[in-house]
C-alpha cells in the first residue's frame, strides 16, 4: 500500500467514525451488536461517497470494537459508584414551580431561565403559597448519595434514567448536583424504583 492509499484509508475511517458518532441510533445498535456490518457499510459508503466497501466495513468494525470496550469500562465505573451509594426514599414531597423566588424551606432547588423549581417536604410548608405557583404534591423523592467521583464519571445519570425507563417508571423531576441525585416520582412508582436500584447497591 502506498502513502496515498494509507492517507485515503485513514480519511475514510475518520469519516465513518464521525458519521456513526453523529447518530445515537447507530451507536446504540453497534453497542448492542445488532448491526449487519455489510448492510451498514453499503449505506455509509453511499452517504460519504468515499472508500471501498471493504474499507468502510473495516472502519465500522473498528468503531464497534471500541464502543464495546468503552461501554464495558464505563458501565463498570457506574456500577462501582452505585455500589458505594446510599439510596433512600422520602415521601410527602411537593414540587413547586414559581416565576419568582420564594422564601420557603426546601430540600433542593433549581434556578431556570424563567422560573424557580423547589423540591420541598410538604409537611414543613406552614404558610400559604402565592396563587401564581404551580404545585404537585404527594410525590416521593428517591435520593442517591454517591462518592465524589460521580462528578467526574460520564454516564451515571444516563444509566439511572435508562434503568427506570426500561421499567416504564416516569420521572417527574430530576436534579443532579454534586454527589446528590434527587429523583422525584409518583407514589405508585417509588417502591419499584427503590427496589430496582437496590439490586445494584
Protein backbone atom coordinates (compact mmCIF):
# COMPACT_ATOMS: atom_id res chain seq x y z
CA UNK A 1 0.00 0.00 0.00
CA UNK A 2 1.46 3.39 -0.95
CA UNK A 3 1.24 6.58 1.14
CA UNK A 4 -1.73 7.91 -0.83
CA UNK A 5 -3.69 4.73 -0.19
CA UNK A 6 -2.83 4.91 3.52
CA UNK A 7 -3.99 8.54 3.78
CA UNK A 8 -7.20 7.69 1.96
CA UNK A 9 -7.91 4.74 4.27
CA UNK A 10 -7.44 6.96 7.32
CA UNK A 11 -9.72 9.57 5.78
CA UNK A 12 -12.46 7.01 5.11
CA UNK A 13 -12.11 5.60 8.64
CA UNK A 14 -12.42 9.09 10.12
CA UNK A 15 -15.48 9.90 8.02
CA UNK A 16 -17.13 6.63 9.06
CA UNK A 17 -16.34 7.30 12.72
CA UNK A 18 -17.73 10.84 12.59
CA UNK A 19 -20.88 9.74 10.76
CA UNK A 20 -21.59 7.00 13.30
CA UNK A 21 -20.96 9.26 16.30
CA UNK A 22 -23.47 11.81 14.96
CA UNK A 23 -26.23 9.18 15.05
CA UNK A 24 -27.23 7.92 18.50
CA UNK A 25 -29.38 5.18 16.99
CA UNK A 26 -26.37 3.72 15.16
CA UNK A 27 -24.25 3.95 18.30
CA UNK A 28 -26.89 2.08 20.29
CA UNK A 29 -27.23 -0.62 17.62
CA UNK A 30 -23.46 -1.13 17.48
CA UNK A 31 -23.22 -1.28 21.28
CA UNK A 32 -25.91 -3.97 21.30
CA UNK A 33 -24.20 -5.78 18.42
CA UNK A 34 -27.39 -5.99 16.37
CA UNK A 35 -25.94 -4.50 13.19
CA UNK A 36 -25.45 -6.14 9.83
CA UNK A 37 -22.00 -4.72 9.06
CA UNK A 38 -22.22 -5.28 5.32
CA UNK A 39 -25.61 -3.56 5.04
CA UNK A 40 -24.43 -0.63 7.16
CA UNK A 41 -21.22 -0.39 5.11
CA UNK A 42 -23.23 -0.12 1.89
CA UNK A 43 -25.39 2.61 3.40
CA UNK A 44 -22.45 4.62 4.73
CA UNK A 45 -20.39 4.18 1.57
CA UNK A 46 -23.22 5.74 -0.42
CA UNK A 47 -23.60 8.51 2.13
CA UNK A 48 -19.95 9.54 2.48
CA UNK A 49 -19.12 8.85 -1.18
CA UNK A 50 -15.61 7.66 -0.36
CA UNK A 51 -13.69 4.40 0.03
CA UNK A 52 -14.26 0.81 -0.94
CA UNK A 53 -16.97 -1.28 0.67
CA UNK A 54 -14.27 -3.30 2.46
CA UNK A 55 -12.62 -0.17 3.88
CA UNK A 56 -15.93 1.20 5.16
CA UNK A 57 -16.87 -2.15 6.70
CA UNK A 58 -13.47 -2.45 8.39
CA UNK A 59 -13.91 1.05 9.85
CA UNK A 60 -17.36 0.14 11.18
CA UNK A 61 -15.99 -2.99 12.86
CA UNK A 62 -13.18 -0.97 14.49
CA UNK A 63 -15.69 1.55 15.84
CA UNK A 64 -17.89 -1.30 17.12
CA UNK A 65 -14.96 -2.92 18.95
CA UNK A 66 -14.00 0.42 20.52
CA UNK A 67 -17.58 1.05 21.63
CA UNK A 68 -17.81 -2.38 23.23
CA UNK A 69 -14.62 -1.74 25.24
CA UNK A 70 -15.62 1.81 26.20
CA UNK A 71 -19.14 0.75 27.15
CA UNK A 72 -17.86 -2.08 29.33
CA UNK A 73 -15.40 0.19 31.17
CA UNK A 74 -17.96 2.97 31.60
CA UNK A 75 -20.63 0.58 32.88
CA UNK A 76 -18.21 -0.89 35.42
CA UNK A 77 -17.32 2.61 36.67
CA UNK A 78 -21.01 3.49 37.00
CA UNK A 79 -21.81 0.23 38.79
CA UNK A 80 -18.90 0.72 41.21
CA UNK A 81 -20.33 4.15 42.09
CA UNK A 82 -23.79 2.67 42.61
CA UNK A 83 -22.36 0.00 44.91
CA UNK A 84 -20.89 2.77 47.09
CA UNK A 85 -24.01 4.93 47.02
CA UNK A 86 -26.69 5.26 49.66
CA UNK A 87 -30.28 5.34 48.47
CA UNK A 88 -33.26 6.47 50.49
CA UNK A 89 -36.90 7.36 49.98
CA UNK A 90 -38.70 10.38 51.35
CA UNK A 91 -42.44 10.69 50.98
CA UNK A 92 -44.75 13.70 51.30
CA UNK A 93 -42.77 15.64 48.73
CA UNK A 94 -44.05 18.60 46.73
CA UNK A 95 -42.59 20.16 43.62
CA UNK A 96 -43.21 23.89 43.41
CA UNK A 97 -42.58 25.89 40.26
CA UNK A 98 -42.64 29.66 40.57
CA UNK A 99 -41.84 32.57 38.29
CA UNK A 100 -40.48 34.46 41.32
CA UNK A 101 -38.10 33.40 44.05
CA UNK A 102 -39.84 32.08 47.17
CA UNK A 103 -38.74 32.18 50.78
CA UNK A 104 -39.62 28.60 51.69
CA UNK A 105 -37.72 25.67 53.24
CA UNK A 106 -36.60 23.26 50.52
CA UNK A 107 -34.66 20.03 50.07
CA UNK A 108 -33.18 21.07 46.76
CA UNK A 109 -33.85 23.86 44.29
CA UNK A 110 -33.02 24.67 40.68
CA UNK A 111 -32.93 28.10 39.10
CA UNK A 112 -34.09 28.06 35.48
CA UNK A 113 -34.10 30.87 32.94
CA UNK A 114 -37.71 31.81 33.63
CA UNK A 115 -38.67 30.02 36.83
CA UNK A 116 -37.59 28.52 40.13
CA UNK A 117 -38.14 24.85 40.94
CA UNK A 118 -38.31 23.77 44.58
CA UNK A 119 -38.41 20.24 45.90
CA UNK A 120 -39.85 20.51 49.41
CA UNK A 121 -41.03 18.47 52.35
CA UNK A 122 -44.69 19.44 52.21
CA UNK A 123 -45.12 18.93 55.96
CA UNK A 124 -42.80 21.92 56.52
CA UNK A 125 -44.83 24.33 54.42
CA UNK A 126 -46.59 26.43 57.02
CA UNK A 127 -47.63 29.48 55.02
CA UNK A 128 -49.99 29.76 52.08
CA UNK A 129 -48.24 29.83 48.74
CA UNK A 130 -48.84 32.61 46.18
CA UNK A 131 -51.56 31.97 43.62
CA UNK A 132 -49.16 32.06 40.68
CA UNK A 133 -47.15 28.99 41.70
CA UNK A 134 -47.64 25.51 40.28
CA UNK A 135 -47.68 22.76 42.92
CA UNK A 136 -47.52 18.97 42.57
CA UNK A 137 -47.93 17.21 45.90
CA UNK A 138 -47.83 13.75 47.49
CA UNK A 139 -44.79 12.71 45.48
CA UNK A 140 -41.78 10.67 46.61
CA UNK A 141 -38.11 11.63 46.45
CA UNK A 142 -35.63 8.90 45.63
CA UNK A 143 -32.32 10.29 46.85
CA UNK A 144 -28.95 8.84 45.88
CA UNK A 145 -25.86 9.99 47.78
CA UNK A 146 -22.76 8.89 45.89
CA UNK A 147 -18.98 9.13 46.33
CA UNK A 148 -17.29 12.31 44.99
CA UNK A 149 -16.01 10.66 41.80
CA UNK A 150 -19.58 10.59 40.48
CA UNK A 151 -18.99 14.17 39.34
CA UNK A 152 -16.22 13.01 37.01
CA UNK A 153 -17.82 9.82 35.71
CA UNK A 154 -19.75 10.13 32.45
CA UNK A 155 -22.87 8.04 32.02
CA UNK A 156 -24.07 7.87 35.63
CA UNK A 157 -27.24 9.90 35.06
CA UNK A 158 -27.84 8.16 31.72
CA UNK A 159 -27.61 4.75 33.40
CA UNK A 160 -30.09 5.68 36.13
CA UNK A 161 -32.64 7.24 33.79
CA UNK A 162 -32.37 4.39 31.26
CA UNK A 163 -32.79 1.85 34.05
CA UNK A 164 -36.00 3.49 35.25
CA UNK A 165 -37.30 3.99 31.70
CA UNK A 166 -36.76 0.29 30.97
CA UNK A 167 -39.38 -0.44 33.67
CA UNK A 168 -41.68 2.33 32.40
CA UNK A 169 -41.09 4.38 35.55
CA UNK A 170 -41.80 8.04 34.86
CA UNK A 171 -39.52 10.70 36.37
CA UNK A 172 -41.47 13.77 37.49
CA UNK A 173 -38.36 15.84 38.27
CA UNK A 174 -34.65 15.03 38.23
CA UNK A 175 -31.93 17.12 39.85
CA UNK A 176 -28.30 16.06 39.96
CA UNK A 177 -25.97 18.27 41.96
CA UNK A 178 -22.56 17.44 43.38
CA UNK A 179 -22.82 13.97 44.96
CA UNK A 180 -26.62 14.03 45.29
CA UNK A 181 -29.05 12.71 42.72
CA UNK A 182 -32.67 13.52 43.52
CA UNK A 183 -35.36 11.77 41.50
CA UNK A 184 -38.98 12.74 42.08
CA UNK A 185 -41.53 10.03 41.37
CA UNK A 186 -45.20 9.28 41.70
CA UNK A 187 -46.03 7.25 44.81
CA UNK A 188 -47.07 4.29 42.67
CA UNK A 189 -43.57 4.02 41.14
CA UNK A 190 -41.43 4.76 44.18
CA UNK A 191 -41.04 1.28 45.67
CA UNK A 192 -40.36 -0.30 42.27
CA UNK A 193 -37.65 2.28 41.55
CA UNK A 194 -36.14 1.83 45.01
CA UNK A 195 -36.04 -1.97 44.65
CA UNK A 196 -34.55 -1.68 41.18
CA UNK A 197 -31.66 0.49 42.39
CA UNK A 198 -31.14 -1.64 45.47
CA UNK A 199 -30.24 -4.52 43.16
CA UNK A 200 -27.07 -2.61 42.23
CA UNK A 201 -26.15 -1.30 45.67
